[in-house]
């Protein structure tokens, strides 16, 4: 199956993104649809992957950034029926290496995809990194 990656925010199929994030994402099920809509509206960059034959969106990634030196990668997913085709790698490459933030310092949070992100230079932070945990609704 052929896929096309695109960073046009107008092309994001919000119902597909919402459908996956609200049911399958361990990190995002607490959100309301209005929360996701605000996050999409405020995103610095979004990247989607689409089936060439139908135009259906099958993968997604979102980033927020100061537009100068720092970016945060969030909400990365590939629908299960399309996993194993290298879309996760292509999605991250398009977002980070092939985009305007290629020289930025990037950060993300993940419980289960360390191997994927390590391929793009992500490492476990050293003793200089600090995080403030989110409110209890997100834990």
N, C-alpha and C. Protein backbone atom coordinates (compact mmCIF):
# COMPACT_ATOMS: atom_id res chain seq x y z
N UNK A 1 0.84 -1.17 0.00
CA UNK A 1 0.00 0.00 0.00
C UNK A 1 0.89 1.24 0.00
N UNK A 2 0.53 2.23 -0.78
CA UNK A 2 1.29 3.47 -0.84
C UNK A 2 0.71 4.51 0.11
N UNK A 3 1.59 5.30 0.68
CA UNK A 3 1.20 6.35 1.61
C UNK A 3 1.86 7.66 1.21
N UNK A 4 1.17 8.74 1.51
CA UNK A 4 1.70 10.08 1.29
C UNK A 4 1.75 10.78 2.64
N UNK A 5 2.87 11.42 2.94
CA UNK A 5 2.98 12.21 4.16
C UNK A 5 2.82 13.67 3.81
N UNK A 6 2.14 14.41 4.68
CA UNK A 6 1.84 15.81 4.40
C UNK A 6 1.80 16.57 5.71
N UNK A 7 2.32 17.80 5.70
CA UNK A 7 2.28 18.64 6.90
C UNK A 7 1.28 19.78 6.79
N UNK A 8 0.32 19.64 5.92
CA UNK A 8 -0.73 20.65 5.77
C UNK A 8 -1.76 20.45 6.88
N UNK A 9 -1.90 21.43 7.81
CA UNK A 9 -2.87 21.27 8.89
C UNK A 9 -4.31 21.13 8.40
N UNK A 10 -4.62 21.71 7.26
CA UNK A 10 -5.99 21.64 6.74
C UNK A 10 -6.36 20.22 6.31
N UNK A 11 -5.36 19.39 6.12
CA UNK A 11 -5.62 18.04 5.65
C UNK A 11 -5.86 17.04 6.79
N UNK A 12 -5.55 17.44 8.01
CA UNK A 12 -5.74 16.54 9.15
C UNK A 12 -7.21 16.18 9.28
N UNK A 13 -7.49 14.89 9.40
CA UNK A 13 -8.85 14.39 9.56
C UNK A 13 -9.11 14.24 11.06
N UNK A 14 -9.62 15.31 11.63
CA UNK A 14 -9.76 15.42 13.09
C UNK A 14 -10.54 14.27 13.71
N UNK A 15 -11.54 13.77 13.02
CA UNK A 15 -12.33 12.65 13.57
C UNK A 15 -11.48 11.40 13.71
N UNK A 16 -10.58 11.17 12.79
CA UNK A 16 -9.70 9.99 12.88
C UNK A 16 -8.71 10.18 14.02
N UNK A 17 -8.11 11.36 14.11
CA UNK A 17 -7.18 11.64 15.20
C UNK A 17 -7.89 11.50 16.54
N UNK A 18 -9.06 12.12 16.67
CA UNK A 18 -9.83 12.04 17.90
C UNK A 18 -10.21 10.59 18.21
N UNK A 19 -10.64 9.86 17.21
CA UNK A 19 -11.05 8.48 17.41
C UNK A 19 -9.95 7.63 18.00
N UNK A 20 -8.74 7.82 17.55
CA UNK A 20 -7.63 7.01 18.07
C UNK A 20 -7.17 7.52 19.42
N UNK A 21 -6.95 8.82 19.52
CA UNK A 21 -6.43 9.37 20.78
C UNK A 21 -7.40 9.18 21.94
N UNK A 22 -8.68 9.24 21.69
CA UNK A 22 -9.66 9.14 22.77
C UNK A 22 -9.95 7.71 23.20
N UNK A 23 -9.50 6.74 22.42
CA UNK A 23 -9.78 5.35 22.78
C UNK A 23 -8.54 4.49 22.97
N UNK A 24 -7.48 4.76 22.24
CA UNK A 24 -6.32 3.87 22.25
C UNK A 24 -5.07 4.46 22.89
N UNK A 25 -4.95 5.76 22.97
CA UNK A 25 -3.73 6.38 23.48
C UNK A 25 -3.71 6.39 25.00
N UNK A 26 -2.77 5.68 25.59
CA UNK A 26 -2.70 5.65 27.05
C UNK A 26 -2.45 7.05 27.61
N UNK A 27 -1.85 7.93 26.83
CA UNK A 27 -1.50 9.26 27.31
C UNK A 27 -2.57 10.32 27.04
N UNK A 28 -3.58 10.01 26.29
CA UNK A 28 -4.48 11.07 25.88
C UNK A 28 -5.95 10.86 26.11
N UNK A 29 -6.34 9.77 26.74
CA UNK A 29 -7.77 9.48 26.86
C UNK A 29 -8.49 10.42 27.82
N UNK A 30 -7.78 11.16 28.62
CA UNK A 30 -8.40 12.10 29.56
C UNK A 30 -8.98 13.32 28.86
N UNK A 31 -8.52 13.62 27.65
CA UNK A 31 -8.92 14.83 26.95
C UNK A 31 -10.35 14.78 26.45
N UNK A 32 -10.95 15.93 26.40
CA UNK A 32 -12.23 16.11 25.72
C UNK A 32 -11.92 16.49 24.27
N UNK A 33 -12.91 16.33 23.40
CA UNK A 33 -12.72 16.69 22.00
C UNK A 33 -12.32 18.17 21.84
N UNK A 34 -12.92 19.03 22.64
CA UNK A 34 -12.58 20.47 22.56
C UNK A 34 -11.11 20.70 22.93
N UNK A 35 -10.57 19.90 23.85
CA UNK A 35 -9.16 20.02 24.21
C UNK A 35 -8.28 19.68 23.00
N UNK A 36 -8.60 18.58 22.34
CA UNK A 36 -7.83 18.19 21.16
C UNK A 36 -7.94 19.26 20.08
N UNK A 37 -9.12 19.78 19.86
CA UNK A 37 -9.29 20.82 18.85
C UNK A 37 -8.40 22.02 19.15
N UNK A 38 -8.32 22.43 20.42
CA UNK A 38 -7.44 23.54 20.80
C UNK A 38 -5.98 23.18 20.58
N UNK A 39 -5.61 21.94 20.88
CA UNK A 39 -4.23 21.52 20.67
C UNK A 39 -3.88 21.53 19.18
N UNK A 40 -4.78 21.08 18.36
CA UNK A 40 -4.53 21.10 16.92
C UNK A 40 -4.44 22.53 16.40
N UNK A 41 -5.32 23.38 16.87
CA UNK A 41 -5.30 24.79 16.44
C UNK A 41 -4.01 25.48 16.86
N UNK A 42 -3.46 25.11 18.01
CA UNK A 42 -2.25 25.75 18.52
C UNK A 42 -0.96 25.04 18.16
N UNK A 43 -1.05 23.95 17.43
CA UNK A 43 0.16 23.19 17.09
C UNK A 43 1.10 24.03 16.21
N UNK A 44 2.36 23.89 16.47
CA UNK A 44 3.38 24.51 15.63
C UNK A 44 3.44 23.77 14.30
N UNK A 45 3.30 22.45 14.37
CA UNK A 45 3.38 21.63 13.16
C UNK A 45 2.62 20.34 13.39
N UNK A 46 1.96 19.85 12.36
CA UNK A 46 1.34 18.53 12.37
C UNK A 46 1.76 17.81 11.09
N UNK A 47 1.86 16.51 11.19
CA UNK A 47 2.17 15.68 10.03
C UNK A 47 1.20 14.51 10.03
N UNK A 48 0.62 14.25 8.89
CA UNK A 48 -0.26 13.11 8.74
C UNK A 48 0.25 12.19 7.64
N UNK A 49 -0.12 10.93 7.73
CA UNK A 49 0.15 9.97 6.65
C UNK A 49 -1.19 9.52 6.12
N UNK A 50 -1.31 9.45 4.79
CA UNK A 50 -2.58 9.19 4.12
C UNK A 50 -2.41 8.09 3.08
N UNK A 51 -3.41 7.25 2.99
CA UNK A 51 -3.41 6.25 1.92
C UNK A 51 -3.53 6.99 0.59
N UNK A 52 -2.70 6.62 -0.36
CA UNK A 52 -2.74 7.27 -1.66
C UNK A 52 -4.04 6.96 -2.39
N UNK A 53 -4.54 5.72 -2.25
CA UNK A 53 -5.72 5.32 -3.02
C UNK A 53 -7.02 5.92 -2.50
N UNK A 54 -7.13 6.16 -1.18
CA UNK A 54 -8.39 6.65 -0.62
C UNK A 54 -8.29 8.02 0.03
N UNK A 55 -7.09 8.46 0.35
CA UNK A 55 -6.91 9.72 1.06
C UNK A 55 -7.15 9.62 2.55
N UNK A 56 -7.50 8.42 3.05
CA UNK A 56 -7.76 8.22 4.47
C UNK A 56 -6.49 8.45 5.28
N UNK A 57 -6.61 9.18 6.38
CA UNK A 57 -5.48 9.40 7.27
C UNK A 57 -5.26 8.15 8.11
N UNK A 58 -3.99 7.71 8.19
CA UNK A 58 -3.68 6.48 8.92
C UNK A 58 -2.59 6.68 9.98
N UNK A 59 -2.01 7.88 10.05
CA UNK A 59 -0.97 8.15 11.04
C UNK A 59 -0.93 9.65 11.31
N UNK A 60 -0.34 10.01 12.46
CA UNK A 60 -0.38 11.40 12.89
C UNK A 60 0.76 11.69 13.85
N UNK A 61 1.23 12.94 13.82
CA UNK A 61 2.16 13.46 14.83
C UNK A 61 1.92 14.96 14.95
N UNK A 62 2.09 15.46 16.17
CA UNK A 62 1.88 16.87 16.46
C UNK A 62 3.08 17.40 17.22
N UNK A 63 3.44 18.67 16.98
CA UNK A 63 4.52 19.30 17.72
C UNK A 63 4.13 20.71 18.13
N UNK A 64 4.61 21.10 19.28
CA UNK A 64 4.54 22.49 19.72
C UNK A 64 5.97 22.99 19.84
N UNK A 65 6.16 24.28 19.62
CA UNK A 65 7.52 24.81 19.57
C UNK A 65 7.54 26.30 19.82
N UNK A 66 8.71 26.80 20.19
CA UNK A 66 8.91 28.24 20.25
C UNK A 66 9.31 28.78 18.87
N UNK A 67 9.48 27.88 17.91
CA UNK A 67 9.80 28.26 16.54
C UNK A 67 11.24 28.68 16.32
N UNK A 68 12.05 28.57 17.37
CA UNK A 68 13.44 29.03 17.27
C UNK A 68 14.44 27.93 17.64
N UNK A 69 14.20 27.28 18.80
CA UNK A 69 15.22 26.36 19.30
C UNK A 69 14.69 25.10 19.96
N UNK A 70 13.40 25.05 20.30
CA UNK A 70 12.89 23.95 21.09
C UNK A 70 11.55 23.47 20.53
N UNK A 71 11.36 22.15 20.55
CA UNK A 71 10.08 21.58 20.12
C UNK A 71 9.75 20.38 20.99
N UNK A 72 8.45 20.16 21.15
CA UNK A 72 7.93 19.03 21.91
C UNK A 72 7.08 18.19 20.96
N UNK A 73 7.41 16.92 20.86
CA UNK A 73 6.70 15.99 19.98
C UNK A 73 5.62 15.28 20.77
N UNK A 74 4.41 15.22 20.20
CA UNK A 74 3.28 14.64 20.94
C UNK A 74 2.33 13.90 20.01
N UNK A 75 1.54 13.03 20.60
CA UNK A 75 0.41 12.38 19.93
C UNK A 75 0.79 11.64 18.65
N UNK A 76 1.90 10.94 18.69
CA UNK A 76 2.35 10.17 17.53
C UNK A 76 1.65 8.82 17.53
N UNK A 77 1.03 8.47 16.39
CA UNK A 77 0.43 7.15 16.27
C UNK A 77 0.32 6.74 14.80
N UNK A 78 0.28 5.43 14.63
CA UNK A 78 -0.03 4.79 13.34
C UNK A 78 -1.16 3.82 13.63
N UNK A 79 -2.24 3.93 12.88
CA UNK A 79 -3.36 3.01 13.09
C UNK A 79 -2.88 1.57 12.96
N UNK A 80 -3.39 0.66 13.80
CA UNK A 80 -2.89 -0.72 13.82
C UNK A 80 -2.85 -1.41 12.46
N UNK A 81 -3.83 -1.22 11.62
CA UNK A 81 -3.86 -1.90 10.32
C UNK A 81 -2.74 -1.44 9.39
N UNK A 82 -2.06 -0.36 9.76
CA UNK A 82 -1.02 0.19 8.89
C UNK A 82 0.36 0.15 9.54
N UNK A 83 0.44 -0.47 10.70
CA UNK A 83 1.73 -0.64 11.37
C UNK A 83 2.55 -1.69 10.65
N UNK A 84 3.86 -1.58 10.77
CA UNK A 84 4.76 -2.54 10.13
C UNK A 84 5.18 -2.15 8.74
N UNK A 85 4.72 -1.00 8.26
CA UNK A 85 5.08 -0.53 6.91
C UNK A 85 6.10 0.60 6.95
N UNK A 86 6.69 0.85 8.13
CA UNK A 86 7.69 1.89 8.27
C UNK A 86 7.12 3.30 8.40
N UNK A 87 5.80 3.40 8.60
CA UNK A 87 5.18 4.72 8.68
C UNK A 87 5.61 5.51 9.91
N UNK A 88 5.84 4.84 11.02
CA UNK A 88 6.30 5.54 12.22
C UNK A 88 7.62 6.24 11.96
N UNK A 89 8.54 5.54 11.35
CA UNK A 89 9.85 6.13 11.02
C UNK A 89 9.69 7.27 10.02
N UNK A 90 8.89 7.07 9.02
CA UNK A 90 8.69 8.13 8.02
C UNK A 90 8.04 9.36 8.64
N UNK A 91 7.09 9.13 9.54
CA UNK A 91 6.39 10.22 10.20
C UNK A 91 7.35 11.06 11.04
N UNK A 92 8.18 10.39 11.84
CA UNK A 92 9.14 11.10 12.69
C UNK A 92 10.18 11.80 11.84
N UNK A 93 10.66 11.15 10.80
CA UNK A 93 11.64 11.79 9.92
C UNK A 93 11.06 13.05 9.28
N UNK A 94 9.83 12.99 8.83
CA UNK A 94 9.18 14.16 8.22
C UNK A 94 9.02 15.28 9.24
N UNK A 95 8.65 14.92 10.46
CA UNK A 95 8.44 15.92 11.49
C UNK A 95 9.75 16.57 11.93
N UNK A 96 10.77 15.75 12.16
CA UNK A 96 12.00 16.26 12.78
C UNK A 96 13.09 16.54 11.75
N UNK A 97 13.53 15.53 11.05
CA UNK A 97 14.69 15.67 10.17
C UNK A 97 14.40 16.46 8.90
N UNK A 98 13.20 16.36 8.38
CA UNK A 98 12.88 16.99 7.10
C UNK A 98 12.06 18.27 7.27
N UNK A 99 11.99 18.77 8.47
CA UNK A 99 11.16 19.94 8.71
C UNK A 99 11.97 21.14 9.19
N UNK A 100 11.29 22.21 9.48
CA UNK A 100 11.96 23.43 9.89
C UNK A 100 12.64 23.34 11.26
N UNK A 101 12.34 22.28 12.03
CA UNK A 101 12.95 22.13 13.35
C UNK A 101 14.10 21.16 13.40
N UNK A 102 14.71 20.87 12.27
CA UNK A 102 15.75 19.84 12.25
C UNK A 102 16.91 20.12 13.19
N UNK A 103 17.19 21.38 13.49
CA UNK A 103 18.31 21.72 14.38
C UNK A 103 17.85 22.07 15.79
N UNK A 104 16.57 21.87 16.09
CA UNK A 104 16.03 22.20 17.41
C UNK A 104 16.42 21.13 18.43
N UNK A 105 16.25 21.49 19.68
CA UNK A 105 16.29 20.51 20.76
C UNK A 105 14.86 20.00 20.90
N UNK A 106 14.68 18.70 20.78
CA UNK A 106 13.35 18.08 20.83
C UNK A 106 13.20 17.31 22.14
N UNK A 107 11.96 17.22 22.59
CA UNK A 107 11.65 16.40 23.75
C UNK A 107 10.33 15.68 23.52
N UNK A 108 10.11 14.63 24.25
CA UNK A 108 8.85 13.87 24.19
C UNK A 108 8.75 13.00 25.42
N UNK A 109 7.57 12.46 25.62
CA UNK A 109 7.34 11.49 26.69
C UNK A 109 6.77 10.23 26.06
N UNK A 110 7.31 9.07 26.44
CA UNK A 110 6.80 7.80 25.94
C UNK A 110 7.06 6.71 26.96
N UNK A 111 6.17 5.73 26.99
CA UNK A 111 6.35 4.56 27.83
C UNK A 111 6.82 3.35 27.01
N UNK A 112 6.60 3.39 25.69
CA UNK A 112 6.75 2.14 24.95
C UNK A 112 7.43 2.24 23.59
N UNK A 113 7.94 3.37 23.20
CA UNK A 113 8.50 3.48 21.84
C UNK A 113 9.93 3.99 21.85
N UNK A 114 10.67 3.67 22.89
CA UNK A 114 12.04 4.18 23.00
C UNK A 114 12.91 3.80 21.80
N UNK A 115 12.75 2.57 21.33
CA UNK A 115 13.56 2.12 20.20
C UNK A 115 13.34 2.96 18.95
N UNK A 116 12.12 3.33 18.68
CA UNK A 116 11.83 4.18 17.52
C UNK A 116 12.51 5.53 17.67
N UNK A 117 12.32 6.17 18.81
CA UNK A 117 12.83 7.52 18.98
C UNK A 117 14.35 7.56 19.09
N UNK A 118 14.97 6.51 19.61
CA UNK A 118 16.43 6.46 19.67
C UNK A 118 17.04 6.53 18.28
N UNK A 119 16.35 6.01 17.28
CA UNK A 119 16.84 6.08 15.90
C UNK A 119 16.95 7.52 15.39
N UNK A 120 16.28 8.44 16.08
CA UNK A 120 16.29 9.85 15.68
C UNK A 120 17.06 10.71 16.67
N UNK A 121 17.89 10.06 17.49
CA UNK A 121 18.77 10.78 18.38
C UNK A 121 18.22 11.08 19.76
N UNK A 122 17.03 10.61 20.09
CA UNK A 122 16.48 10.83 21.43
C UNK A 122 17.22 9.93 22.41
N UNK A 123 17.50 10.48 23.58
CA UNK A 123 18.17 9.74 24.65
C UNK A 123 17.44 10.02 25.95
N UNK A 124 17.67 9.15 26.94
CA UNK A 124 17.14 9.40 28.28
C UNK A 124 17.92 10.59 28.83
N UNK A 125 17.21 11.57 29.37
CA UNK A 125 17.89 12.79 29.82
C UNK A 125 18.87 12.54 30.96
N UNK A 126 19.82 13.44 31.06
CA UNK A 126 20.79 13.34 32.15
C UNK A 126 20.28 14.08 33.38
N UNK A 127 21.16 14.30 34.33
CA UNK A 127 20.73 14.91 35.59
C UNK A 127 20.35 16.38 35.45
N UNK A 128 20.51 16.98 34.28
CA UNK A 128 20.10 18.37 34.11
C UNK A 128 18.63 18.51 33.76
N UNK A 129 18.00 17.44 33.36
CA UNK A 129 16.59 17.51 32.96
C UNK A 129 15.68 17.43 34.18
N UNK A 130 14.63 18.21 34.13
CA UNK A 130 13.61 18.16 35.16
C UNK A 130 12.26 18.21 34.48
N UNK A 131 11.29 17.58 35.09
CA UNK A 131 9.92 17.65 34.58
C UNK A 131 9.00 17.93 35.75
N UNK A 132 7.94 18.61 35.45
CA UNK A 132 6.87 18.82 36.44
C UNK A 132 5.72 17.94 35.99
N UNK A 133 5.39 16.92 36.78
CA UNK A 133 4.30 16.03 36.36
C UNK A 133 3.00 16.80 36.15
N UNK A 134 2.20 16.28 35.27
CA UNK A 134 0.93 16.88 34.94
C UNK A 134 -0.05 16.71 36.09
N UNK A 135 -1.16 17.40 35.98
CA UNK A 135 -2.22 17.29 36.98
C UNK A 135 -2.68 15.84 37.09
N UNK A 136 -3.32 15.51 38.18
CA UNK A 136 -3.72 14.12 38.43
C UNK A 136 -4.62 13.54 37.35
N UNK A 137 -5.37 14.36 36.62
CA UNK A 137 -6.24 13.82 35.58
C UNK A 137 -5.46 13.14 34.46
N UNK A 138 -4.19 13.44 34.34
CA UNK A 138 -3.40 12.89 33.24
C UNK A 138 -2.56 11.70 33.67
N UNK A 139 -2.51 11.38 34.92
CA UNK A 139 -1.65 10.29 35.39
C UNK A 139 -2.27 8.95 35.17
